[in-house]
């Protein structure tokens, strides 16, 4: 019930649009509006809207609500463009799917945002609906902006500081955004939340694994599945076997503990060592693990230890369809359109690391590299990963001008190949020896003060953070520059099983942990409020772990992992990744 008072100062009342969504086979039998008192008011009418948007795509398939004016608008667009019923159903499905990705699950479809979406989808369409953009929006600024974005959304670089923070809410069993806005100088609560979020994120992933989800409640079926226990439930149950999930921590000197949200318990690995149990992965403090064993004298005797099982990205997206965990604006093209673009332009992505621009040998090798590609179609992109100097950058040491000149020289070199400079994308990811940063991750981009002359010579160049994320058509790529293998091996608390390549242990650890740097904060500091930018959830299509260790490329859980090695300190090696085949090719430039 609503009371409405009109005065000479406010003579008009505009109510919210009232409507009931229905499908084509439903009929409204009756509707009424009752006024218990009405004085000096013009007659009020109730009108029935007749929409030609018959398909319940928005409401039933995508759980979206269309405002009445938005529903009328879609009907007019379909009617004015003479779209058939089958084409309309397909087009509405694309609109609804794009809305859920672009608006991150916002359930109410409003008219202004819908107009911009229609224009953007039409601009990137190849299904004969290109005329919709102009007819539907009447040349609005939103349409122009969205149209230009539709043309440039094939290759997108996502800054770590621009990635939306999502926290997993264990009560709601869904992702929510934190109340506190991310800041480098964040509160102490952010540090506690950092580890809680890692724990909650991995635990919900574990509990969705088929080995932890019994399909029935019979005792016979239950025995086939694993059951997680919490540390506080172990009291008074010595001798029984338990499977625990938690974080490795050294709470006392020389002693390793397992922590979960309920408590902590000391671990003993003597049984495991005596049985020569396999250890798959690299385990350090702050790693989250599954441990199987029993309690004796208040100590948990570990018989087996393992990493949390990974989850295929398709399953993650199915569990959280309306949450953009990777970051960036979703493409306004359909997946089939993006795949067609990939097939037609499979020119490869070049990845180089440790490109020391202060050495003439490096510049000569780059000259040879660009000359080689100048005789064919230019690559999709060149990903240059630091360090960009053989010596650490020291502010105030007089190296500033030299660093700027080195960057400018690279720009001049690239500019000498106009076809490459115009068509290829160039991405620059800083290393630890590049300016500036305070030693914590994520590392900010190289300041424009150093790169302005380089940027002026290249059409598509991005100076981004370490780590960063890249979207190319249907591919999600994560780039991280860190000598990670050396750091993790130095701080490992358990030696891995021999016979397996160490790089396989590394890749498995990083992906199973769902985190690029699963090390203690004292070893590798991370800005507390930006820990979400270090996540690998869902698993990306390509993971570039730029390390000074030997080059490698391996596949794990449908993720292609690449380490290009050191370009300048090695044999000028690099990798070329081919999106269509999802393979990479090791190459090197012969020394002169």
Protein backbone atom coordinates (compact mmCIF):
# COMPACT_ATOMS: atom_id res chain seq x y z
CA UNK A 1 0.00 0.00 0.00
CA UNK A 2 1.34 3.42 -0.96
CA UNK A 3 0.27 6.91 0.12
CA UNK A 4 0.99 9.61 -2.46
CA UNK A 5 0.73 13.32 -1.64
CA UNK A 6 0.89 15.84 -4.46
CA UNK A 7 1.50 19.57 -3.84
CA UNK A 8 1.87 22.61 -6.11
CA UNK A 9 5.62 22.30 -5.60
CA UNK A 10 5.58 18.57 -6.50
CA UNK A 11 2.53 18.11 -8.72
CA UNK A 12 3.63 14.91 -10.39
CA UNK A 13 4.36 11.38 -9.22
CA UNK A 14 6.25 8.97 -11.49
CA UNK A 15 6.00 5.46 -10.06
CA UNK A 16 8.36 2.59 -10.69
CA UNK A 17 7.38 0.54 -13.71
CA UNK A 18 5.15 -2.36 -12.68
CA UNK A 19 5.08 -5.49 -14.80
CA UNK A 20 4.79 -9.25 -14.64
CA UNK A 21 7.03 -11.31 -16.89
CA UNK A 22 5.27 -14.13 -18.71
CA UNK A 23 5.83 -16.60 -21.51
CA UNK A 24 4.01 -17.00 -24.81
CA UNK A 25 1.65 -19.71 -23.56
CA UNK A 26 0.46 -17.74 -20.49
CA UNK A 27 -2.57 -15.46 -20.42
CA UNK A 28 -3.45 -12.67 -17.96
CA UNK A 29 -6.97 -13.32 -16.74
CA UNK A 30 -7.46 -10.17 -14.70
CA UNK A 31 -5.59 -7.25 -13.21
CA UNK A 32 -6.71 -4.32 -11.08
CA UNK A 33 -5.49 -1.26 -9.21
CA UNK A 34 -7.51 -0.18 -6.17
CA UNK A 35 -7.47 3.41 -4.88
CA UNK A 36 -8.92 3.78 -1.38
CA UNK A 37 -9.09 7.59 -1.73
CA UNK A 38 -8.47 9.90 -4.67
CA UNK A 39 -8.99 13.67 -4.69
CA UNK A 40 -8.35 16.12 -7.56
CA UNK A 41 -6.54 13.48 -9.61
CA UNK A 42 -6.86 12.79 -13.32
CA UNK A 43 -8.25 9.36 -14.31
CA UNK A 44 -5.82 6.47 -13.94
CA UNK A 45 -5.59 3.72 -16.57
CA UNK A 46 -4.14 0.21 -16.61
CA UNK A 47 -2.66 -0.76 -19.99
CA UNK A 48 -1.63 -4.15 -21.30
CA UNK A 49 1.75 -4.31 -23.07
CA UNK A 50 1.99 -6.60 -26.07
CA UNK A 51 5.59 -7.66 -26.64
CA UNK A 52 6.95 -9.65 -29.52
CA UNK A 53 9.83 -10.79 -27.31
CA UNK A 54 8.22 -14.19 -26.74
CA UNK A 55 11.22 -16.27 -25.77
CA UNK A 56 11.78 -16.55 -22.00
CA UNK A 57 15.52 -16.31 -22.57
CA UNK A 58 16.23 -13.56 -20.06
CA UNK A 59 13.92 -14.71 -17.27
CA UNK A 60 14.21 -18.47 -17.26
CA UNK A 61 17.55 -19.33 -18.83
CA UNK A 62 19.62 -16.49 -17.34
CA UNK A 63 17.48 -15.48 -14.30
CA UNK A 64 17.33 -11.85 -15.42
CA UNK A 65 14.50 -9.36 -14.96
CA UNK A 66 13.59 -7.01 -17.80
CA UNK A 67 12.12 -3.65 -16.96
CA UNK A 68 8.95 -2.93 -18.94
CA UNK A 69 10.60 -0.17 -21.00
CA UNK A 70 13.54 -2.50 -21.74
CA UNK A 71 11.12 -5.22 -22.86
CA UNK A 72 9.29 -2.74 -25.10
CA UNK A 73 12.61 -1.51 -26.50
CA UNK A 74 13.70 -5.01 -27.51
CA UNK A 75 10.33 -5.59 -29.17
CA UNK A 76 10.74 -2.40 -31.20
CA UNK A 77 14.27 -3.33 -32.26
CA UNK A 78 13.14 -6.76 -33.46
CA UNK A 79 10.10 -5.32 -35.22
CA UNK A 80 11.96 -2.45 -36.93
CA UNK A 81 14.70 -4.73 -38.25
CA UNK A 82 12.35 -7.45 -39.46
CA UNK A 83 14.09 -10.18 -37.48
CA UNK A 84 12.48 -13.62 -37.73
CA UNK A 85 11.39 -15.50 -34.62
CA UNK A 86 14.27 -18.01 -34.80
CA UNK A 87 16.86 -15.25 -35.39
CA UNK A 88 15.35 -13.21 -32.54
CA UNK A 89 15.68 -16.14 -30.15
CA UNK A 90 19.36 -16.58 -31.05
CA UNK A 91 20.03 -12.83 -30.83
CA UNK A 92 18.32 -12.52 -27.44
CA UNK A 93 20.39 -15.43 -26.16
CA UNK A 94 23.58 -13.61 -27.18
CA UNK A 95 22.34 -10.42 -25.49
CA UNK A 96 21.45 -12.19 -22.25
CA UNK A 97 24.71 -14.15 -22.15
CA UNK A 98 26.75 -11.00 -22.80
CA UNK A 99 24.81 -9.11 -20.13
CA UNK A 100 25.60 -11.70 -17.44
CA UNK A 101 29.32 -11.55 -18.31
CA UNK A 102 29.55 -7.78 -18.75
CA UNK A 103 27.43 -6.78 -15.75
CA UNK A 104 28.78 -9.61 -13.54
CA UNK A 105 25.38 -11.08 -12.78
CA UNK A 106 23.39 -7.86 -12.26
CA UNK A 107 19.83 -9.29 -12.36
CA UNK A 108 17.87 -6.18 -13.43
CA UNK A 109 18.22 -5.23 -17.10
CA UNK A 110 17.83 -1.46 -17.40
CA UNK A 111 17.04 0.44 -20.58
CA UNK A 112 20.12 2.67 -20.94
CA UNK A 113 22.64 -0.10 -20.32
CA UNK A 114 20.65 -2.37 -22.64
CA UNK A 115 20.80 0.18 -25.48
CA UNK A 116 24.58 0.36 -25.22
CA UNK A 117 24.80 -3.43 -25.13
CA UNK A 118 22.60 -3.82 -28.23
CA UNK A 119 24.77 -1.36 -30.13
CA UNK A 120 28.01 -3.04 -29.05
CA UNK A 121 26.82 -6.56 -29.87
CA UNK A 122 25.53 -5.39 -33.25
CA UNK A 123 28.85 -3.68 -34.00
CA UNK A 124 30.78 -6.90 -33.45
CA UNK A 125 28.18 -9.13 -35.09
CA UNK A 126 28.63 -11.20 -38.21
CA UNK A 127 25.07 -12.52 -38.36
CA UNK A 128 23.46 -9.87 -40.47
CA UNK A 129 22.36 -7.55 -37.67
CA UNK A 130 24.87 -4.77 -38.21
CA UNK A 131 22.12 -2.25 -38.87
CA UNK A 132 20.68 -2.59 -35.41
CA UNK A 133 23.27 -0.36 -33.73
CA UNK A 134 22.28 2.82 -35.54
CA UNK A 135 18.52 2.21 -35.49
CA UNK A 136 18.36 1.22 -31.85
CA UNK A 137 20.46 3.89 -30.13
CA UNK A 138 19.95 7.03 -32.23
CA UNK A 139 23.70 7.70 -32.13
CA UNK A 140 24.10 7.88 -28.35
CA UNK A 141 27.56 8.34 -26.85
CA UNK A 142 27.25 5.03 -25.08
CA UNK A 143 26.78 3.29 -28.40
CA UNK A 144 29.86 4.96 -29.89
CA UNK A 145 31.96 4.01 -26.90
CA UNK A 146 30.77 0.42 -26.94
CA UNK A 147 31.31 0.12 -30.68
CA UNK A 148 34.94 1.17 -30.42
CA UNK A 149 35.43 -1.22 -27.54
CA UNK A 150 33.94 -4.05 -29.60
CA UNK A 151 36.65 -3.52 -32.21
CA UNK A 152 39.50 -3.59 -29.68
CA UNK A 153 38.39 -6.38 -27.36
CA UNK A 154 40.30 -9.17 -29.12
CA UNK A 155 43.58 -8.54 -27.27
CA UNK A 156 43.26 -7.03 -23.81
CA UNK A 157 45.92 -6.59 -21.14
CA UNK A 158 44.62 -6.54 -17.55
CA UNK A 159 46.59 -4.66 -14.91
CA UNK A 160 46.85 -6.51 -11.57
CA UNK A 161 45.61 -3.44 -9.70
CA UNK A 162 42.51 -3.30 -11.92
CA UNK A 163 41.34 -6.86 -11.24
CA UNK A 164 38.10 -6.93 -9.27
CA UNK A 165 38.46 -8.46 -5.82
CA UNK A 166 36.11 -11.39 -5.16
CA UNK A 167 35.82 -13.06 -1.77
CA UNK A 168 34.20 -16.45 -1.33
CA UNK A 169 31.37 -16.29 1.24
CA UNK A 170 31.09 -19.70 2.93
CA UNK A 171 27.63 -18.89 4.27
CA UNK A 172 26.12 -17.83 0.96
CA UNK A 173 28.32 -20.24 -1.03
CA UNK A 174 28.98 -17.56 -3.60
CA UNK A 175 31.51 -14.86 -4.42
CA UNK A 176 30.95 -11.37 -3.02
CA UNK A 177 32.97 -8.18 -3.21
CA UNK A 178 34.77 -7.05 -0.03
CA UNK A 179 33.54 -3.96 1.79
CA UNK A 180 37.02 -2.46 2.03
CA UNK A 181 38.39 -0.94 -1.14
CA UNK A 182 41.80 -2.27 -2.16
CA UNK A 183 44.77 -0.10 -1.24
CA UNK A 184 48.52 -0.67 -1.07
CA UNK A 185 48.46 0.70 2.50
CA UNK A 186 45.60 -1.52 3.66
CA UNK A 187 44.45 -2.37 7.17
CA UNK A 188 45.68 -5.29 9.28
CA UNK A 189 42.34 -6.99 8.65
CA UNK A 190 43.38 -7.40 5.03
CA UNK A 191 46.32 -9.57 6.08
CA UNK A 192 44.10 -11.91 8.08
CA UNK A 193 41.57 -11.98 5.26
CA UNK A 194 44.33 -12.92 2.81
CA UNK A 195 44.86 -16.36 4.35
CA UNK A 196 41.19 -16.89 5.21
CA UNK A 197 40.28 -16.30 1.60
CA UNK A 198 42.93 -18.67 0.30
CA UNK A 199 41.62 -21.30 2.72
CA UNK A 200 37.93 -20.79 1.86
CA UNK A 201 38.60 -20.69 -1.88
CA UNK A 202 40.56 -23.94 -1.92
CA UNK A 203 38.30 -25.75 0.53
CA UNK A 204 35.16 -25.10 -1.51
CA UNK A 205 37.06 -26.36 -4.56
CA UNK A 206 38.08 -29.51 -2.71
CA UNK A 207 34.55 -30.16 -1.46
CA UNK A 208 33.21 -29.94 -5.02
CA UNK A 209 35.68 -32.60 -6.19
CA UNK A 210 34.00 -35.91 -7.08
CA UNK A 211 36.15 -37.76 -4.52
CA UNK A 212 34.64 -35.70 -1.71
CA UNK A 213 30.99 -35.73 -2.88
CA UNK A 214 29.07 -38.96 -2.07
CA UNK A 215 26.20 -39.54 -4.47
CA UNK A 216 24.03 -41.28 -1.87
CA UNK A 217 23.74 -41.63 1.88
CA UNK A 218 24.23 -45.40 2.11
CA UNK A 219 27.09 -46.58 4.29
CA UNK A 220 28.51 -48.60 1.41
CA UNK A 221 28.68 -45.52 -0.84
CA UNK A 222 30.08 -43.28 1.88
CA UNK A 223 33.12 -45.50 2.31
CA UNK A 224 34.18 -44.74 -1.26
CA UNK A 225 34.58 -41.04 -0.60
CA UNK A 226 36.93 -38.92 1.47
CA UNK A 227 35.69 -36.99 4.46
CA UNK A 228 37.46 -33.86 5.72
CA UNK A 229 37.76 -33.24 9.43
CA UNK A 230 38.62 -30.05 11.26
CA UNK A 231 41.44 -29.82 13.77
CA UNK A 232 39.15 -29.07 16.72
CA UNK A 233 37.29 -32.36 16.10
CA UNK A 234 40.44 -34.42 16.87
CA UNK A 235 40.32 -33.91 20.64
CA UNK A 236 39.92 -37.17 22.56
CA UNK A 237 40.10 -39.33 19.43
CA UNK A 238 43.67 -40.59 19.47
CA UNK A 239 44.48 -43.53 17.23
CA UNK A 240 41.71 -42.77 14.70
CA UNK A 241 42.51 -41.89 11.11
CA UNK A 242 41.62 -38.44 9.79
CA UNK A 243 41.98 -36.44 6.61
CA UNK A 244 42.71 -32.78 7.30
CA UNK A 245 42.93 -29.70 5.13
CA UNK A 246 44.88 -26.62 6.19
CA UNK A 247 47.96 -24.44 5.83
CA UNK A 248 51.52 -25.42 6.72
CA UNK A 249 53.02 -23.03 9.27
CA UNK A 250 56.06 -22.92 11.53
CA UNK A 251 54.56 -21.70 14.80
CA UNK A 252 57.55 -22.86 16.85
CA UNK A 253 61.20 -23.04 15.90
CA UNK A 254 61.96 -26.27 14.06
CA UNK A 255 58.36 -27.56 14.25
CA UNK A 256 55.80 -27.67 11.46
CA UNK A 257 52.11 -27.22 12.20
CA UNK A 258 48.88 -27.50 10.24
CA UNK A 259 46.43 -24.63 10.66
CA UNK A 260 42.79 -24.36 9.72
CA UNK A 261 40.09 -21.90 10.81
CA UNK A 262 39.37 -23.98 13.91
CA UNK A 263 42.88 -24.39 15.33
CA UNK A 264 46.35 -25.85 14.77
CA UNK A 265 48.20 -29.09 15.45
CA UNK A 266 51.85 -30.14 15.28
CA UNK A 267 52.82 -32.47 12.42
CA UNK A 268 55.23 -35.40 12.51
CA UNK A 269 56.49 -36.92 9.23
CA UNK A 270 58.55 -39.83 10.65
CA UNK A 271 55.98 -42.48 9.55
CA UNK A 272 55.89 -41.07 6.04
CA UNK A 273 59.68 -40.93 5.77
CA UNK A 274 60.00 -44.48 7.04
CA UNK A 275 57.57 -45.79 4.41
CA UNK A 276 59.18 -43.68 1.65
CA UNK A 277 55.79 -42.25 0.74
CA UNK A 278 55.70 -40.35 -2.55
CA UNK A 279 55.74 -36.56 -2.33
CA UNK A 280 54.29 -34.96 -5.45
CA UNK A 281 54.76 -31.22 -5.38
CA UNK A 282 56.90 -28.64 -3.63
CA UNK A 283 55.74 -27.92 -0.09
CA UNK A 284 56.66 -24.73 1.74
CA UNK A 285 55.23 -22.80 4.64
CA UNK A 286 51.94 -21.10 3.70
CA UNK A 287 51.08 -23.95 1.31
CA UNK A 288 47.61 -25.47 1.71
CA UNK A 289 47.70 -29.25 1.88
CA UNK A 290 45.68 -32.39 2.54
CA UNK A 291 47.24 -34.64 5.20
CA UNK A 292 46.15 -38.15 6.14
CA UNK A 293 47.18 -39.76 9.40
CA UNK A 294 46.33 -40.23 13.07
CA UNK A 295 46.70 -38.43 16.40
CA UNK A 296 49.16 -39.65 19.01
CA UNK A 297 50.21 -37.74 22.14
CA UNK A 298 48.65 -34.56 20.77
CA UNK A 299 50.72 -34.74 17.55
CA UNK A 300 49.34 -35.59 14.13
CA UNK A 301 51.39 -38.43 12.62
CA UNK A 302 51.31 -37.87 8.87
CA UNK A 303 51.15 -40.94 6.63
CA UNK A 304 50.39 -39.13 3.38
CA UNK A 305 50.47 -35.52 2.21
CA UNK A 306 49.18 -34.02 -1.01
CA UNK A 307 48.12 -30.83 -2.72
CA UNK A 308 44.44 -29.91 -3.10
CA UNK A 309 43.06 -31.52 -6.28
CA UNK A 310 42.79 -29.10 -9.20
CA UNK A 311 39.50 -28.20 -10.85
CA UNK A 312 38.95 -27.88 -14.59
CA UNK A 313 38.15 -24.33 -15.64
CA UNK A 314 34.91 -25.48 -17.29
CA UNK A 315 33.67 -26.81 -13.95
CA UNK A 316 34.65 -23.62 -12.14
CA UNK A 317 32.78 -21.47 -14.65
CA UNK A 318 29.75 -23.74 -14.42
CA UNK A 319 29.73 -23.35 -10.63
CA UNK A 320 30.01 -19.53 -10.82
CA UNK A 321 28.62 -18.56 -14.25
CA UNK A 322 27.91 -14.91 -13.47
CA UNK A 323 31.22 -13.99 -11.81
CA UNK A 324 34.14 -12.67 -13.85
CA UNK A 325 37.05 -14.00 -11.79
CA UNK A 326 39.67 -13.42 -14.47
CA UNK A 327 39.05 -9.69 -14.77
CA UNK A 328 38.67 -7.27 -17.65
CA UNK A 329 35.63 -6.54 -19.76
CA UNK A 330 34.11 -9.65 -21.38
CA UNK A 331 34.17 -9.70 -25.16
CA UNK A 332 31.01 -8.59 -26.92
CA UNK A 333 31.49 -11.28 -29.55
CA UNK A 334 30.19 -14.81 -29.22
CA UNK A 335 32.58 -17.66 -28.54
CA UNK A 336 32.11 -19.03 -32.06
CA UNK A 337 33.01 -15.63 -33.54
CA UNK A 338 36.14 -15.45 -31.38
CA UNK A 339 37.23 -18.94 -32.39
CA UNK A 340 36.76 -18.06 -36.05
CA UNK A 341 39.02 -15.02 -35.56
CA UNK A 342 41.66 -17.20 -33.88
CA UNK A 343 41.66 -19.64 -36.79
CA UNK A 344 41.96 -16.86 -39.37
CA UNK A 345 44.84 -15.17 -37.52
CA UNK A 346 46.99 -17.90 -35.97
CA UNK A 347 50.24 -15.99 -36.32
CA UNK A 348 51.51 -16.78 -32.85
CA UNK A 349 52.46 -14.84 -29.73
CA UNK A 350 56.18 -14.25 -29.09
CA UNK A 351 57.37 -14.50 -25.46
CA UNK A 352 60.81 -13.24 -24.35
CA UNK A 353 62.20 -12.76 -20.85
CA UNK A 354 65.29 -11.01 -19.45
CA UNK A 355 65.72 -8.72 -22.45
CA UNK A 356 68.75 -6.65 -21.42
CA UNK A 357 68.54 -3.54 -23.56
CA UNK A 358 71.85 -2.19 -22.25
CA UNK A 359 73.78 -4.91 -24.12
CA UNK A 360 74.55 -4.60 -27.83
CA UNK A 361 74.31 -8.37 -28.35
CA UNK A 362 70.69 -8.23 -27.22
CA UNK A 363 69.85 -5.40 -29.63
CA UNK A 364 71.52 -7.29 -32.49
CA UNK A 365 69.50 -10.42 -31.65
CA UNK A 366 66.26 -8.40 -31.59
CA UNK A 367 67.19 -6.91 -34.96
CA UNK A 368 67.51 -10.43 -36.34
CA UNK A 369 64.20 -11.43 -34.72
CA UNK A 370 62.24 -8.57 -36.29
CA UNK A 371 63.91 -9.08 -39.65
CA UNK A 372 62.77 -12.71 -39.61
CA UNK A 373 59.14 -11.77 -39.00
CA UNK A 374 59.20 -8.85 -41.44
CA UNK A 375 59.05 -11.28 -44.38
CA UNK A 376 55.80 -12.90 -43.18
CA UNK A 377 52.58 -11.92 -41.44
CA UNK A 378 53.43 -10.12 -38.17
CA UNK A 379 52.80 -12.04 -34.94
CA UNK A 380 49.71 -11.33 -32.87
CA UNK A 381 51.83 -9.95 -30.04
CA UNK A 382 55.29 -9.64 -28.55
CA UNK A 383 55.37 -10.13 -24.77
CA UNK A 384 58.59 -8.59 -23.43
CA UNK A 385 59.29 -9.61 -19.83
CA UNK A 386 61.94 -7.97 -17.67
CA UNK A 387 64.53 -7.44 -16.48
CA UNK A 388 65.27 -4.86 -19.15
CA UNK A 389 68.71 -4.10 -17.77
CA UNK A 390 71.58 -6.37 -16.81
CA UNK A 391 72.12 -4.28 -13.66
CA UNK A 392 69.55 -3.50 -10.96
CA UNK A 393 68.05 -0.05 -11.32
CA UNK A 394 69.14 2.17 -8.40
CA UNK A 395 67.24 5.47 -8.09
CA UNK A 396 69.55 8.48 -7.99
CA UNK A 397 72.53 6.57 -9.36
CA UNK A 398 72.63 8.39 -12.67
CA UNK A 399 71.22 5.38 -14.57
CA UNK A 400 67.86 7.05 -15.22
CA UNK A 401 68.85 8.67 -18.51
CA UNK A 402 70.57 5.47 -19.68
CA UNK A 403 67.43 3.43 -18.95
CA UNK A 404 65.31 5.92 -20.92
CA UNK A 405 67.73 5.84 -23.83
CA UNK A 406 67.68 2.03 -23.89
CA UNK A 407 63.89 2.03 -24.11
CA UNK A 408 64.00 4.67 -26.83
CA UNK A 409 66.53 2.60 -28.79
CA UNK A 410 64.16 -0.37 -28.69
CA UNK A 411 61.36 1.85 -29.97
CA UNK A 412 63.55 3.05 -32.80
CA UNK A 413 64.43 -0.55 -33.66
CA UNK A 414 60.77 -1.63 -33.75
CA UNK A 415 59.86 1.48 -35.73
CA UNK A 416 62.22 0.32 -38.46
CA UNK A 417 59.70 -2.46 -39.20
CA UNK A 418 56.50 -0.47 -39.81
CA UNK A 419 54.28 -3.47 -40.56
CA UNK A 420 55.17 -5.11 -37.23
CA UNK A 421 54.94 -1.81 -35.31
CA UNK A 422 51.47 -1.19 -36.73
CA UNK A 423 49.86 -4.63 -36.54
CA UNK A 424 51.42 -6.44 -33.56
CA UNK A 425 50.62 -5.79 -29.91
CA UNK A 426 53.55 -5.11 -27.59
CA UNK A 427 53.33 -5.90 -23.87
CA UNK A 428 56.04 -4.98 -21.36
CA UNK A 429 56.07 -6.73 -17.98
CA UNK A 430 58.64 -5.44 -15.44
CA UNK A 431 61.14 -7.61 -13.59
CA UNK A 432 62.59 -7.17 -10.12
CA UNK A 433 65.47 -5.00 -11.38
CA UNK A 434 63.25 -2.55 -13.26
CA UNK A 435 61.94 0.73 -11.82
CA UNK A 436 60.09 1.23 -9.50
CA UNK A 437 58.19 -0.81 -6.92
CA UNK A 438 58.84 -1.45 -3.24
CA UNK A 439 59.82 -5.11 -3.43
CA UNK A 440 56.26 -6.44 -2.97
CA UNK A 441 53.89 -8.02 -5.48
CA UNK A 442 52.15 -7.03 -7.66
CA UNK A 443 54.87 -4.80 -9.11
CA UNK A 444 53.61 -1.58 -10.77
CA UNK A 445 54.24 -0.90 -14.47
CA UNK A 446 57.39 0.86 -15.61
CA UNK A 447 56.64 4.57 -15.31
CA UNK A 448 55.84 6.51 -18.50
CA UNK A 449 58.78 8.78 -17.65
CA UNK A 450 61.03 5.96 -18.89
CA UNK A 451 58.92 4.64 -21.74
CA UNK A 452 57.35 7.68 -23.42
CA UNK A 453 59.69 7.74 -26.42
CA UNK A 454 59.22 4.00 -26.95
CA UNK A 455 55.44 4.29 -26.72
CA UNK A 456 55.33 7.06 -29.31
CA UNK A 457 56.74 4.76 -32.00
CA UNK A 458 54.34 1.80 -31.57
CA UNK A 459 50.60 1.73 -32.27
CA UNK A 460 49.57 -0.96 -29.76
CA UNK A 461 51.79 -0.96 -26.68
CA UNK A 462 50.96 -1.67 -23.04
CA UNK A 463 53.24 -1.25 -20.02
CA UNK A 464 51.64 -3.37 -17.36
CA UNK A 465 52.15 -4.90 -13.92
CA UNK A 466 53.92 -8.05 -12.76
CA UNK A 467 51.93 -10.28 -12.75
CA UNK A 468 49.38 -9.39 -15.42
CA UNK A 469 46.61 -11.11 -17.33
CA UNK A 470 45.91 -11.10 -21.06
CA UNK A 471 42.76 -12.00 -22.93
CA UNK A 472 43.10 -12.95 -26.56
CA UNK A 473 39.83 -14.12 -28.16
CA UNK A 474 38.95 -17.29 -26.19
CA UNK A 475 42.34 -17.48 -24.44
CA UNK A 476 43.09 -16.43 -20.88
CA UNK A 477 46.82 -15.90 -20.34
CA UNK A 478 48.66 -15.18 -17.07
CA UNK A 479 52.20 -13.73 -17.13
CA UNK A 480 54.45 -13.75 -14.06
CA UNK A 481 58.14 -12.81 -13.82
CA UNK A 482 59.79 -14.37 -10.80
CA UNK A 483 62.68 -16.74 -10.12
CA UNK A 484 60.09 -18.94 -8.49
CA UNK A 485 61.71 -22.35 -8.70
CA UNK A 486 64.82 -21.23 -6.84
CA UNK A 487 62.79 -19.53 -4.09
CA UNK A 488 60.44 -22.47 -3.56
CA UNK A 489 63.20 -25.09 -3.53
CA UNK A 490 65.20 -23.05 -1.05
CA UNK A 491 62.21 -22.87 1.32
CA UNK A 492 60.81 -26.36 0.76
CA UNK A 493 60.01 -28.29 3.95
CA UNK A 494 59.72 -31.70 2.23
CA UNK A 495 61.93 -33.01 -0.58
CA UNK A 496 59.92 -34.08 -3.66
CA UNK A 497 60.02 -37.64 -4.95
CA UNK A 498 62.98 -38.22 -7.25
CA UNK A 499 62.42 -39.33 -10.82
CA UNK A 500 60.03 -36.55 -11.76
CA UNK A 501 61.24 -33.39 -13.45
CA UNK A 502 61.44 -30.56 -10.94
CA UNK A 503 59.57 -28.20 -13.27
CA UNK A 504 56.58 -30.58 -13.24
CA UNK A 505 56.56 -30.39 -9.45
CA UNK A 506 56.67 -26.59 -9.71
CA UNK A 507 53.83 -26.27 -12.21
CA UNK A 508 51.68 -28.72 -10.29
CA UNK A 509 52.26 -26.84 -7.04
CA UNK A 510 51.39 -23.44 -8.48
CA UNK A 511 48.22 -24.59 -10.25
CA UNK A 512 46.99 -26.84 -7.43
CA UNK A 513 47.56 -24.03 -4.92
CA UNK A 514 45.60 -21.69 -7.19
CA UNK A 515 48.23 -19.04 -6.50
CA UNK A 516 51.27 -17.72 -8.36
CA UNK A 517 53.48 -17.36 -5.29
CA UNK A 518 52.55 -19.75 -2.43
CA UNK A 519 55.41 -18.59 -0.20
CA UNK A 520 55.39 -17.01 3.28
CA UNK A 521 55.04 -13.22 3.40
CA UNK A 522 58.49 -12.87 4.95
CA UNK A 523 60.01 -14.62 1.91
CA UNK A 524 58.01 -12.90 -0.84
CA UNK A 525 55.80 -10.04 0.35
CA UNK A 526 52.44 -9.47 -1.34
CA UNK A 527 50.25 -6.41 -0.94
CA UNK A 528 47.53 -7.73 1.34
CA UNK A 529 44.63 -6.11 -0.48
CA UNK A 530 45.82 -7.37 -3.88
CA UNK A 531 46.42 -11.03 -3.11
CA UNK A 532 43.44 -11.83 -5.34
CA UNK A 533 45.51 -10.65 -8.34
CA UNK A 534 47.92 -13.53 -7.66
CA UNK A 535 45.23 -16.22 -7.91
CA UNK A 536 45.02 -18.86 -10.61
CA UNK A 537 41.29 -19.51 -10.35
CA UNK A 538 39.92 -20.62 -12.67
CA UNK A 539 42.93 -22.27 -14.29
CA UNK A 540 44.09 -20.15 -17.27
CA UNK A 541 44.65 -21.49 -20.77
CA UNK A 542 48.28 -20.34 -20.77
CA UNK A 543 50.59 -19.74 -17.80
CA UNK A 544 53.88 -17.97 -18.49
CA UNK A 545 56.26 -18.43 -15.54
CA UNK A 546 59.26 -16.38 -16.66
CA UNK A 547 62.21 -17.76 -14.70
CA UNK A 548 65.99 -17.85 -15.17
CA UNK A 549 65.79 -21.62 -14.95
CA UNK A 550 66.11 -23.63 -18.18
CA UNK A 551 63.35 -23.12 -20.76
CA UNK A 552 60.42 -25.54 -20.75
CA UNK A 553 56.85 -25.97 -21.92
CA UNK A 554 54.52 -28.56 -20.37
CA UNK A 555 50.78 -29.18 -20.14
CA UNK A 556 48.96 -29.68 -16.86
CA UNK A 557 45.18 -29.73 -16.38
CA UNK A 558 44.52 -28.23 -19.85
CA UNK A 559 46.90 -25.37 -19.05
CA UNK A 560 49.93 -24.82 -21.28
CA UNK A 561 52.81 -23.66 -19.07
CA UNK A 562 55.81 -21.88 -20.56
CA UNK A 563 59.12 -20.66 -19.21
CA UNK A 564 60.94 -18.79 -21.99
CA UNK A 565 64.17 -18.75 -19.98
CA UNK A 566 66.61 -15.86 -20.10
CA UNK A 567 66.93 -14.26 -23.53
CA UNK A 568 70.07 -12.21 -22.92
CA UNK A 569 72.02 -14.35 -20.46
CA UNK A 570 71.30 -17.54 -22.37
CA UNK A 571 71.33 -18.37 -26.06
CA UNK A 572 68.74 -15.77 -27.14
CA UNK A 573 65.93 -18.30 -26.86
CA UNK A 574 62.23 -17.49 -26.91
CA UNK A 575 58.88 -19.23 -27.32
CA UNK A 576 56.17 -18.76 -29.90
CA UNK A 577 52.68 -19.77 -28.76
CA UNK A 578 50.00 -20.78 -31.30
CA UNK A 579 46.45 -20.23 -29.94
CA UNK A 580 44.59 -22.52 -32.37
CA UNK A 581 46.65 -25.67 -31.67
CA UNK A 582 47.39 -24.55 -28.07
CA UNK A 583 51.03 -25.49 -28.54
CA UNK A 584 54.30 -23.59 -28.33
CA UNK A 585 57.55 -23.74 -30.23
CA UNK A 586 60.99 -23.23 -28.74
CA UNK A 587 63.27 -21.10 -30.90
CA UNK A 588 66.59 -19.35 -30.56
CA UNK A 589 68.53 -16.78 -32.51
CA UNK A 590 72.01 -17.91 -33.58
CA UNK A 591 74.79 -15.77 -32.20
CA UNK A 592 76.82 -13.81 -34.72
